[in-house]
Amino acid sequence: MKRVTEYLNRYGDTYRFTRQKDDSVLVEGDFDYMKVGGDFIDTPGGPFLKIGQQLSEVVNGDGFDLTIEGFTNSENGIIIQTIFRDIDQVDLNHLMDNDVIEDII
């Protein structure tokens, strides 16, 4: 099942995000004036996408709770390589540090 959502930036440009079977995400839209850095892509008016960022912080829609790991150009747009991180797999033990909690209370 492909999951699709759209992002409307502040200039009225629409970017289409389609989650692929391998959990990568195809982004289609206007990339003519895109800025690219070692760990980010930034289109005029948005979206700004950075390695390590949760994709769900940028786009709404079921199935986009993915962490960005990299970017690749394709004929149809940009492929975002992602990894799915289930909240149960994230180490939250540091939140149980009693010393930190005592300082807050």
PDB file of N, CA and C in Angstrom:
ATOM      1  N   MET A   1       0.837  -1.186   0.000  1.00  0.00           N
ATOM      2  CA  MET A   1       0.000   0.000   0.000  1.00  0.00           C
ATOM      3  C   MET A   1       0.884   1.251   0.000  1.00  0.00           C
ATOM      4  N   LYS A   2       0.710   2.102  -0.989  1.00  0.00           N
ATOM      5  CA  LYS A   2       1.427   3.364  -1.031  1.00  0.00           C
ATOM      6  C   LYS A   2       0.674   4.396  -0.204  1.00  0.00           C
ATOM      7  N   ARG A   3       1.420   5.155   0.540  1.00  0.00           N
ATOM      8  CA  ARG A   3       0.832   6.248   1.302  1.00  0.00           C
ATOM      9  C   ARG A   3       1.302   7.554   0.689  1.00  0.00           C
ATOM     10  N   VAL A   4       0.372   8.456   0.471  1.00  0.00           N
ATOM     11  CA  VAL A   4       0.653   9.707  -0.238  1.00  0.00           C
ATOM     12  C   VAL A   4       0.118  10.871   0.573  1.00  0.00           C
ATOM     13  N   THR A   5       0.896  11.946   0.622  1.00  0.00           N
ATOM     14  CA  THR A   5       0.431  13.194   1.211  1.00  0.00           C
ATOM     15  C   THR A   5       1.057  14.341   0.442  1.00  0.00           C
ATOM     16  N   GLU A   6       0.500  15.518   0.583  1.00  0.00           N
ATOM     17  CA  GLU A   6       1.017  16.683  -0.119  1.00  0.00           C
ATOM     18  C   GLU A   6       1.386  17.774   0.873  1.00  0.00           C
ATOM     19  N   TYR A   7       2.387  18.547   0.492  1.00  0.00           N
ATOM     20  CA  TYR A   7       2.874  19.670   1.285  1.00  0.00           C
ATOM     21  C   TYR A   7       2.714  20.930   0.443  1.00  0.00           C
ATOM     22  N   LEU A   8       2.013  21.922   0.966  1.00  0.00           N
ATOM     23  CA  LEU A   8       1.820  23.198   0.279  1.00  0.00           C
ATOM     24  C   LEU A   8       2.720  24.222   0.960  1.00  0.00           C
ATOM     25  N   ASN A   9       3.703  24.762   0.211  1.00  0.00           N
ATOM     26  CA  ASN A   9       4.627  25.705   0.848  1.00  0.00           C
ATOM     27  C   ASN A   9       4.064  27.125   0.832  1.00  0.00           C
ATOM     28  N   ARG A  10       4.819  28.050   1.396  1.00  0.00           N
ATOM     29  CA  ARG A  10       4.304  29.420   1.560  1.00  0.00           C
ATOM     30  C   ARG A  10       4.145  30.171   0.244  1.00  0.00           C
ATOM     31  N   TYR A  11       4.721  29.658  -0.853  1.00  0.00           N
ATOM     32  CA  TYR A  11       4.547  30.281  -2.165  1.00  0.00           C
ATOM     33  C   TYR A  11       3.457  29.612  -2.989  1.00  0.00           C
ATOM     34  N   GLY A  12       2.782  28.643  -2.404  1.00  0.00           N
ATOM     35  CA  GLY A  12       1.709  27.955  -3.108  1.00  0.00           C
ATOM     36  C   GLY A  12       2.147  26.768  -3.941  1.00  0.00           C
ATOM     37  N   ASP A  13       3.436  26.393  -3.851  1.00  0.00           N
ATOM     38  CA  ASP A  13       3.935  25.220  -4.571  1.00  0.00           C
ATOM     39  C   ASP A  13       3.573  23.956  -3.805  1.00  0.00           C
ATOM     40  N   THR A  14       3.176  22.926  -4.530  1.00  0.00           N
ATOM     41  CA  THR A  14       2.796  21.660  -3.914  1.00  0.00           C
ATOM     42  C   THR A  14       3.877  20.618  -4.144  1.00  0.00           C
ATOM     43  N   TYR A  15       4.234  19.922  -3.073  1.00  0.00           N
ATOM     44  CA  TYR A  15       5.174  18.801  -3.138  1.00  0.00           C
ATOM     45  C   TYR A  15       4.428  17.553  -2.711  1.00  0.00           C
ATOM     46  N   ARG A  16       4.567  16.527  -3.508  1.00  0.00           N
ATOM     47  CA  ARG A  16       3.870  15.261  -3.256  1.00  0.00           C
ATOM     48  C   ARG A  16       4.862  14.258  -2.664  1.00  0.00           C
ATOM     49  N   PHE A  17       4.528  13.688  -1.515  1.00  0.00           N
ATOM     50  CA  PHE A  17       5.349  12.705  -0.814  1.00  0.00           C
ATOM     51  C   PHE A  17       4.661  11.354  -0.913  1.00  0.00           C
ATOM     52  N   THR A  18       5.346  10.374  -1.513  1.00  0.00           N
ATOM     53  CA  THR A  18       4.789   9.034  -1.674  1.00  0.00           C
ATOM     54  C   THR A  18       5.720   8.031  -1.020  1.00  0.00           C
ATOM     55  N   ARG A  19       5.237   7.362   0.017  1.00  0.00           N
ATOM     56  CA  ARG A  19       6.040   6.337   0.683  1.00  0.00           C
ATOM     57  C   ARG A  19       6.071   5.089  -0.187  1.00  0.00           C
ATOM     58  N   GLN A  20       7.273   4.574  -0.424  1.00  0.00           N
ATOM     59  CA  GLN A  20       7.472   3.414  -1.273  1.00  0.00           C
ATOM     60  C   GLN A  20       7.474   2.125  -0.440  1.00  0.00           C
ATOM     61  N   LYS A  21       7.442   1.001  -1.122  1.00  0.00           N
ATOM     62  CA  LYS A  21       7.418  -0.294  -0.427  1.00  0.00           C
ATOM     63  C   LYS A  21       8.644  -0.512   0.446  1.00  0.00           C
ATOM     64  N   ASP A  22       9.790   0.055   0.048  1.00  0.00           N
ATOM     65  CA  ASP A  22      11.021  -0.124   0.819  1.00  0.00           C
ATOM     66  C   ASP A  22      11.190   0.940   1.912  1.00  0.00           C
ATOM     67  N   ASP A  23      10.131   1.697   2.198  1.00  0.00           N
ATOM     68  CA  ASP A  23      10.086   2.771   3.197  1.00  0.00           C
ATOM     69  C   ASP A  23      10.829   4.032   2.785  1.00  0.00           C
ATOM     70  N   SER A  24      11.379   4.078   1.574  1.00  0.00           N
ATOM     71  CA  SER A  24      11.889   5.348   1.073  1.00  0.00           C
ATOM     72  C   SER A  24      10.677   6.190   0.682  1.00  0.00           C
ATOM     73  N   VAL A  25      10.914   7.474   0.458  1.00  0.00           N
ATOM     74  CA  VAL A  25       9.812   8.386   0.110  1.00  0.00           C
ATOM     75  C   VAL A  25      10.207   9.161  -1.139  1.00  0.00           C
ATOM     76  N   LEU A  26       9.359   9.100  -2.159  1.00  0.00           N
ATOM     77  CA  LEU A  26       9.551   9.874  -3.377  1.00  0.00           C
ATOM     78  C   LEU A  26       8.906  11.238  -3.174  1.00  0.00           C
ATOM     79  N   VAL A  27       9.686  12.296  -3.426  1.00  0.00           N
ATOM     80  CA  VAL A  27       9.164  13.664  -3.346  1.00  0.00           C
ATOM     81  C   VAL A  27       9.142  14.222  -4.753  1.00  0.00           C
ATOM     82  N   GLU A  28       7.969  14.685  -5.167  1.00  0.00           N
ATOM     83  CA  GLU A  28       7.801  15.277  -6.493  1.00  0.00           C
ATOM     84  C   GLU A  28       7.386  16.726  -6.333  1.00  0.00           C
ATOM     85  N   GLY A  29       7.941  17.593  -7.166  1.00  0.00           N
ATOM     86  CA  GLY A  29       7.617  19.015  -7.117  1.00  0.00           C
ATOM     87  C   GLY A  29       8.653  19.803  -7.890  1.00  0.00           C
ATOM     88  N   ASP A  30       8.692  21.113  -7.651  1.00  0.00           N
ATOM     89  CA  ASP A  30       9.618  22.007  -8.339  1.00  0.00           C
ATOM     90  C   ASP A  30      10.906  22.129  -7.529  1.00  0.00           C
ATOM     91  N   PHE A  31      12.011  21.633  -8.094  1.00  0.00           N
ATOM     92  CA  PHE A  31      13.304  21.667  -7.423  1.00  0.00           C
ATOM     93  C   PHE A  31      14.300  22.579  -8.138  1.00  0.00           C
ATOM     94  N   ASP A  32      13.804  23.486  -8.990  1.00  0.00           N
ATOM     95  CA  ASP A  32      14.686  24.332  -9.795  1.00  0.00           C
ATOM     96  C   ASP A  32      15.625  25.195  -8.961  1.00  0.00           C
ATOM     97  N   TYR A  33      15.167  25.744  -7.860  1.00  0.00           N
ATOM     98  CA  TYR A  33      15.978  26.663  -7.064  1.00  0.00           C
ATOM     99  C   TYR A  33      16.302  26.098  -5.684  1.00  0.00           C
ATOM    100  N   MET A  34      16.384  24.799  -5.599  1.00  0.00           N
ATOM    101  CA  MET A  34      16.641  24.106  -4.348  1.00  0.00           C
ATOM    102  C   MET A  34      18.074  24.340  -3.885  1.00  0.00           C
ATOM    103  N   LYS A  35      18.241  24.539  -2.579  1.00  0.00           N
ATOM    104  CA  LYS A  35      19.571  24.597  -1.966  1.00  0.00           C
ATOM    105  C   LYS A  35      19.879  23.212  -1.415  1.00  0.00           C
ATOM    106  N   VAL A  36      21.130  22.796  -1.559  1.00  0.00           N
ATOM    107  CA  VAL A  36      21.543  21.477  -1.093  1.00  0.00           C
ATOM    108  C   VAL A  36      22.803  21.627  -0.251  1.00  0.00           C
ATOM    109  N   GLY A  37      22.793  20.998   0.914  1.00  0.00           N
ATOM    110  CA  GLY A  37      23.980  20.954   1.763  1.00  0.00           C
ATOM    111  C   GLY A  37      24.363  19.509   2.001  1.00  0.00           C
ATOM    112  N   GLY A  38      25.352  19.293   2.819  1.00  0.00           N
ATOM    113  CA  GLY A  38      25.797  17.935   3.090  1.00  0.00           C
ATOM    114  C   GLY A  38      24.738  17.068   3.733  1.00  0.00           C
ATOM    115  N   ASP A  39      23.848  17.698   4.495  1.00  0.00           N
ATOM    116  CA  ASP A  39      22.828  16.916   5.207  1.00  0.00           C
ATOM    117  C   ASP A  39      21.430  17.482   5.080  1.00  0.00           C
ATOM    118  N   PHE A  40      21.187  18.359   4.082  1.00  0.00           N
ATOM    119  CA  PHE A  40      19.854  18.928   3.948  1.00  0.00           C
ATOM    120  C   PHE A  40      19.531  19.272   2.502  1.00  0.00           C
ATOM    121  N   ILE A  41      18.227  19.434   2.238  1.00  0.00           N
ATOM    122  CA  ILE A  41      17.744  20.064   1.018  1.00  0.00           C
ATOM    123  C   ILE A  41      16.719  21.105   1.435  1.00  0.00           C
ATOM    124  N   ASP A  42      16.691  22.214   0.711  1.00  0.00           N
ATOM    125  CA  ASP A  42      15.802  23.318   1.068  1.00  0.00           C
ATOM    126  C   ASP A  42      15.274  23.941  -0.210  1.00  0.00           C
ATOM    127  N   THR A  43      13.975  23.820  -0.426  1.00  0.00           N
ATOM    128  CA  THR A  43      13.350  24.453  -1.585  1.00  0.00           C
ATOM    129  C   THR A  43      12.821  25.822  -1.168  1.00  0.00           C
ATOM    130  N   PRO A  44      12.816  26.807  -2.089  1.00  0.00           N
ATOM    131  CA  PRO A  44      12.268  28.119  -1.741  1.00  0.00           C
ATOM    132  C   PRO A  44      10.827  27.977  -1.259  1.00  0.00           C
ATOM    133  N   GLY A  45      10.557  28.499  -0.095  1.00  0.00           N
ATOM    134  CA  GLY A  45       9.210  28.402   0.465  1.00  0.00           C
ATOM    135  C   GLY A  45       8.963  27.118   1.226  1.00  0.00           C
ATOM    136  N   GLY A  46       9.941  26.243   1.259  1.00  0.00           N
ATOM    137  CA  GLY A  46       9.807  24.972   1.975  1.00  0.00           C
ATOM    138  C   GLY A  46       9.381  23.871   1.039  1.00  0.00           C
ATOM    139  N   PRO A  47       9.554  22.657   1.434  1.00  0.00           N
ATOM    140  CA  PRO A  47       9.960  22.194   2.753  1.00  0.00           C
ATOM    141  C   PRO A  47      11.477  22.149   2.918  1.00  0.00           C
ATOM    142  N   PHE A  48      11.924  22.307   4.160  1.00  0.00           N
ATOM    143  CA  PHE A  48      13.314  22.111   4.548  1.00  0.00           C
ATOM    144  C   PHE A  48      13.403  20.710   5.126  1.00  0.00           C
ATOM    145  N   LEU A  49      14.285  19.889   4.576  1.00  0.00           N
ATOM    146  CA  LEU A  49      14.434  18.498   5.016  1.00  0.00           C
ATOM    147  C   LEU A  49      15.884  18.252   5.385  1.00  0.00           C
ATOM    148  N   LYS A  50      16.112  17.632   6.547  1.00  0.00           N
ATOM    149  CA  LYS A  50      17.465  17.423   7.051  1.00  0.00           C
ATOM    150  C   LYS A  50      17.638  15.990   7.532  1.00  0.00           C
ATOM    151  N   ILE A  51      18.816  15.442   7.300  1.00  0.00           N
ATOM    152  CA  ILE A  51      19.127  14.100   7.782  1.00  0.00           C
ATOM    153  C   ILE A  51      18.988  14.078   9.303  1.00  0.00           C
ATOM    154  N   GLY A  52      18.339  13.040   9.807  1.00  0.00           N
ATOM    155  CA  GLY A  52      18.090  12.896  11.237  1.00  0.00           C
ATOM    156  C   GLY A  52      16.737  13.427  11.672  1.00  0.00           C
ATOM    157  N   GLN A  53      16.074  14.178  10.808  1.00  0.00           N
ATOM    158  CA  GLN A  53      14.780  14.768  11.104  1.00  0.00           C
ATOM    159  C   GLN A  53      13.666  13.739  10.933  1.00  0.00           C
ATOM    160  N   GLN A  54      12.636  13.841  11.766  1.00  0.00           N
ATOM    161  CA  GLN A  54      11.445  13.012  11.596  1.00  0.00           C
ATOM    162  C   GLN A  54      10.630  13.609  10.452  1.00  0.00           C
ATOM    163  N   LEU A  55      10.334  12.814   9.453  1.00  0.00           N
ATOM    164  CA  LEU A  55       9.571  13.295   8.310  1.00  0.00           C
ATOM    165  C   LEU A  55       8.183  13.766   8.732  1.00  0.00           C
ATOM    166  N   SER A  56       7.639  13.145   9.776  1.00  0.00           N
ATOM    167  CA  SER A  56       6.305  13.529  10.258  1.00  0.00           C
ATOM    168  C   SER A  56       6.281  14.944  10.834  1.00  0.00           C
ATOM    169  N   GLU A  57       7.452  15.542  11.113  1.00  0.00           N
ATOM    170  CA  GLU A  57       7.507  16.937  11.560  1.00  0.00           C
ATOM    171  C   GLU A  57       7.245  17.893  10.401  1.00  0.00           C
ATOM    172  N   VAL A  58       7.410  17.407   9.171  1.00  0.00           N
ATOM    173  CA  VAL A  58       7.269  18.246   7.986  1.00  0.00           C
ATOM    174  C   VAL A  58       5.951  17.992   7.274  1.00  0.00           C
ATOM    175  N   VAL A  59       5.618  16.729   7.089  1.00  0.00           N
ATOM    176  CA  VAL A  59       4.403  16.380   6.352  1.00  0.00           C
ATOM    177  C   VAL A  59       3.431  15.646   7.264  1.00  0.00           C
ATOM    178  N   ASN A  60       2.164  15.913   7.053  1.00  0.00           N
ATOM    179  CA  ASN A  60       1.126  15.206   7.788  1.00  0.00           C
ATOM    180  C   ASN A  60       0.682  14.004   6.972  1.00  0.00           C
ATOM    181  N   GLY A  61       0.213  13.011   7.646  1.00  0.00           N
ATOM    182  CA  GLY A  61      -0.296  11.838   6.951  1.00  0.00           C
ATOM    183  C   GLY A  61       0.134  10.571   7.650  1.00  0.00           C
ATOM    184  N   ASP A  62      -0.720   9.581   7.583  1.00  0.00           N
ATOM    185  CA  ASP A  62      -0.404   8.289   8.179  1.00  0.00           C
ATOM    186  C   ASP A  62       0.781   7.671   7.453  1.00  0.00           C
ATOM    187  N   GLY A  63       1.672   7.076   8.204  1.00  0.00           N
ATOM    188  CA  GLY A  63       2.768   6.342   7.600  1.00  0.00           C
ATOM    189  C   GLY A  63       4.011   7.151   7.305  1.00  0.00           C
ATOM    190  N   PHE A  64       4.113   8.372   7.811  1.00  0.00           N
ATOM    191  CA  PHE A  64       5.300   9.173   7.568  1.00  0.00           C
ATOM    192  C   PHE A  64       6.096   9.407   8.854  1.00  0.00           C
ATOM    193  N   ASP A  65       5.962   8.490   9.807  1.00  0.00           N
ATOM    194  CA  ASP A  65       6.741   8.543  11.045  1.00  0.00           C
ATOM    195  C   ASP A  65       8.083   7.855  10.809  1.00  0.00           C
ATOM    196  N   LEU A  66       8.897   8.489   9.973  1.00  0.00           N
ATOM    197  CA  LEU A  66      10.165   7.951   9.511  1.00  0.00           C
ATOM    198  C   LEU A  66      11.279   8.955   9.787  1.00  0.00           C
ATOM    199  N   THR A  67      12.480   8.461  10.011  1.00  0.00           N
ATOM    200  CA  THR A  67      13.643   9.316  10.204  1.00  0.00           C
ATOM    201  C   THR A  67      14.409   9.411   8.884  1.00  0.00           C
ATOM    202  N   ILE A  68      14.733  10.630   8.471  1.00  0.00           N
ATOM    203  CA  ILE A  68      15.450  10.852   7.215  1.00  0.00           C
ATOM    204  C   ILE A  68      16.906  10.426   7.383  1.00  0.00           C
ATOM    205  N   GLU A  69      17.374   9.593   6.441  1.00  0.00           N
ATOM    206  CA  GLU A  69      18.764   9.122   6.475  1.00  0.00           C
ATOM    207  C   GLU A  69      19.598   9.611   5.310  1.00  0.00           C
ATOM    208  N   GLY A  70      18.973  10.064   4.222  1.00  0.00           N
ATOM    209  CA  GLY A  70      19.737  10.544   3.077  1.00  0.00           C
ATOM    210  C   GLY A  70      18.834  10.897   1.918  1.00  0.00           C
ATOM    211  N   PHE A  71      19.449  11.430   0.843  1.00  0.00           N
ATOM    212  CA  PHE A  71      18.709  11.884  -0.326  1.00  0.00           C
ATOM    213  C   PHE A  71      19.392  11.390  -1.598  1.00  0.00           C
ATOM    214  N   THR A  72      18.583  11.067  -2.599  1.00  0.00           N
ATOM    215  CA  THR A  72      19.078  10.653  -3.908  1.00  0.00           C
ATOM    216  C   THR A  72      18.202  11.290  -4.977  1.00  0.00           C
ATOM    217  N   ASN A  73      18.825  11.776  -6.043  1.00  0.00           N
ATOM    218  CA  ASN A  73      18.052  12.293  -7.182  1.00  0.00           C
ATOM    219  C   ASN A  73      17.463  11.130  -7.958  1.00  0.00           C
ATOM    220  N   SER A  74      16.287  11.344  -8.530  1.00  0.00           N
ATOM    221  CA  SER A  74      15.684  10.366  -9.427  1.00  0.00           C
ATOM    222  C   SER A  74      15.046  11.117 -10.590  1.00  0.00           C
ATOM    223  N   GLU A  75      14.618  10.387 -11.599  1.00  0.00           N
ATOM    224  CA  GLU A  75      13.974  11.020 -12.754  1.00  0.00           C
ATOM    225  C   GLU A  75      12.687  11.731 -12.366  1.00  0.00           C
ATOM    226  N   ASN A  76      12.007  11.223 -11.350  1.00  0.00           N
ATOM    227  CA  ASN A  76      10.705  11.766 -10.964  1.00  0.00           C
ATOM    228  C   ASN A  76      10.763  12.777  -9.828  1.00  0.00           C
ATOM    229  N   GLY A  77      11.931  12.971  -9.236  1.00  0.00           N
ATOM    230  CA  GLY A  77      12.044  13.892  -8.111  1.00  0.00           C
ATOM    231  C   GLY A  77      13.213  13.517  -7.227  1.00  0.00           C
ATOM    232  N   ILE A  78      12.983  13.531  -5.951  1.00  0.00           N
ATOM    233  CA  ILE A  78      14.015  13.182  -4.975  1.00  0.00           C
ATOM    234  C   ILE A  78      13.536  12.001  -4.158  1.00  0.00           C
ATOM    235  N   ILE A  79      14.425  11.045  -3.951  1.00  0.00           N
ATOM    236  CA  ILE A  79      14.133   9.903  -3.088  1.00  0.00           C
ATOM    237  C   ILE A  79      14.747  10.192  -1.725  1.00  0.00           C
ATOM    238  N   ILE A  80      13.943  10.107  -0.684  1.00  0.00           N
ATOM    239  CA  ILE A  80      14.436  10.244   0.676  1.00  0.00           C
ATOM    240  C   ILE A  80      14.616   8.850   1.243  1.00  0.00           C
ATOM    241  N   GLN A  81      15.861   8.511   1.618  1.00  0.00           N
ATOM    242  CA  GLN A  81      16.089   7.243   2.300  1.00  0.00           C
ATOM    243  C   GLN A  81      15.706   7.453   3.762  1.00  0.00           C
ATOM    244  N   THR A  82      14.961   6.510   4.304  1.00  0.00           N
ATOM    245  CA  THR A  82      14.467   6.659   5.666  1.00  0.00           C
ATOM    246  C   THR A  82      14.674   5.377   6.459  1.00  0.00           C
ATOM    247  N   ILE A  83      14.456   5.498   7.746  1.00  0.00           N
ATOM    248  CA  ILE A  83      14.418   4.338   8.626  1.00  0.00           C
ATOM    249  C   ILE A  83      13.220   4.525   9.545  1.00  0.00           C
ATOM    250  N   PHE A  84      12.505   3.445   9.752  1.00  0.00           N
ATOM    251  CA  PHE A  84      11.362   3.472  10.662  1.00  0.00           C
ATOM    252  C   PHE A  84      11.873   3.200  12.057  1.00  0.00           C
ATOM    253  N   ARG A  85      11.527   4.056  12.996  1.00  0.00           N
ATOM    254  CA  ARG A  85      11.927   3.847  14.384  1.00  0.00           C
ATOM    255  C   ARG A  85      10.674   3.799  15.241  1.00  0.00           C
ATOM    256  N   ASP A  86      10.386   2.617  15.692  1.00  0.00           N
ATOM    257  CA  ASP A  86       9.257   2.417  16.593  1.00  0.00           C
ATOM    258  C   ASP A  86       9.632   3.002  17.941  1.00  0.00           C
ATOM    259  N   ILE A  87       8.714   3.716  18.565  1.00  0.00           N
ATOM    260  CA  ILE A  87       8.992   4.353  19.855  1.00  0.00           C
ATOM    261  C   ILE A  87       9.430   3.327  20.891  1.00  0.00           C
ATOM    262  N   ASP A  88       9.004   2.076  20.770  1.00  0.00           N
ATOM    263  CA  ASP A  88       9.415   1.041  21.710  1.00  0.00           C
ATOM    264  C   ASP A  88      10.896   0.711  21.562  1.00  0.00           C
ATOM    265  N   GLN A  89      11.492   1.031  20.419  1.00  0.00           N
ATOM    266  CA  GLN A  89      12.900   0.737  20.184  1.00  0.00           C
ATOM    267  C   GLN A  89      13.816   1.866  20.633  1.00  0.00           C
ATOM    268  N   VAL A  90      13.245   3.011  20.948  1.00  0.00           N
ATOM    269  CA  VAL A  90      14.044   4.158  21.340  1.00  0.00           C
ATOM    270  C   VAL A  90      14.389   4.036  22.823  1.00  0.00           C
ATOM    271  N   ASP A  91      15.656   4.270  23.150  1.00  0.00           N
ATOM    272  CA  ASP A  91      16.094   4.181  24.535  1.00  0.00           C
ATOM    273  C   ASP A  91      15.714   5.469  25.259  1.00  0.00           C
ATOM    274  N   LEU A  92      14.774   5.358  26.186  1.00  0.00           N
ATOM    275  CA  LEU A  92      14.324   6.511  26.964  1.00  0.00           C
ATOM    276  C   LEU A  92      14.769   6.415  28.425  1.00  0.00           C
ATOM    277  N   ASN A  93      15.709   5.551  28.710  1.00  0.00           N
ATOM    278  CA  ASN A  93      16.148   5.348  30.084  1.00  0.00           C
ATOM    279  C   ASN A  93      16.701   6.618  30.728  1.00  0.00           C
ATOM    280  N   HIS A  94      17.290   7.513  29.929  1.00  0.00           N
ATOM    281  CA  HIS A  94      17.832   8.744  30.489  1.00  0.00           C
ATOM    282  C   HIS A  94      16.744   9.605  31.132  1.00  0.00           C
ATOM    283  N   LEU A  95      15.506   9.393  30.735  1.00  0.00           N
ATOM    284  CA  LEU A  95      14.408  10.155  31.329  1.00  0.00           C
ATOM    285  C   LEU A  95      14.088   9.689  32.742  1.00  0.00           C
ATOM    286  N   MET A  96      14.576   8.526  33.095  1.00  0.00           N
ATOM    287  CA  MET A  96      14.329   7.980  34.425  1.00  0.00           C
ATOM    288  C   MET A  96      15.474   8.283  35.387  1.00  0.00           C
ATOM    289  N   ASP A  97      16.418   9.130  34.997  1.00  0.00           N
ATOM    290  CA  ASP A  97      17.549   9.484  35.839  1.00  0.00           C
ATOM    291  C   ASP A  97      17.052  10.254  37.048  1.00  0.00           C
ATOM    292  N   ASN A  98      17.160   9.657  38.231  1.00  0.00           N
ATOM    293  CA  ASN A  98      16.647  10.257  39.466  1.00  0.00           C
ATOM    294  C   ASN A  98      17.318  11.573  39.797  1.00  0.00           C
ATOM    295  N   ASP A  99      18.620  11.717  39.498  1.00  0.00           N
ATOM    296  CA  ASP A  99      19.312  12.966  39.781  1.00  0.00           C
ATOM    297  C   ASP A  99      18.712  14.121  38.998  1.00  0.00           C
ATOM    298  N   VAL A 100      18.391  13.868  37.756  1.00  0.00           N
ATOM    299  CA  VAL A 100      17.783  14.904  36.920  1.00  0.00           C
ATOM    300  C   VAL A 100      16.395  15.245  37.445  1.00  0.00           C
ATOM    301  N   ILE A 101      15.622  14.236  37.784  1.00  0.00           N
ATOM    302  CA  ILE A 101      14.264  14.464  38.277  1.00  0.00           C
ATOM    303  C   ILE A 101      14.281  15.241  39.583  1.00  0.00           C
ATOM    304  N   GLU A 102      15.217  14.902  40.502  1.00  0.00           N
ATOM    305  CA  GLU A 102      15.306  15.609  41.788  1.00  0.00           C
ATOM    306  C   GLU A 102      15.631  17.073  41.580  1.00  0.00           C
ATOM    307  N   ASP A 103      16.472  17.400  40.598  1.00  0.00           N
ATOM    308  CA  ASP A 103      16.808  18.790  40.333  1.00  0.00           C
ATOM    309  C   ASP A 103      15.629  19.564  39.782  1.00  0.00           C
ATOM    310  N   ILE A 104      14.729  18.891  39.096  1.00  0.00           N
ATOM    311  CA  ILE A 104      13.553  19.561  38.534  1.00  0.00           C
ATOM    312  C   ILE A 104      12.513  19.822  39.602  1.00  0.00           C
ATOM    313  N   ILE A 105      12.360  18.869  40.515  1.00  0.00           N
ATOM    314  CA  ILE A 105      11.300  18.964  41.535  1.00  0.00           C
ATOM    315  C   ILE A 105      11.636  19.938  42.597  1.00  0.00           C
TER     316      ILE A 105
END
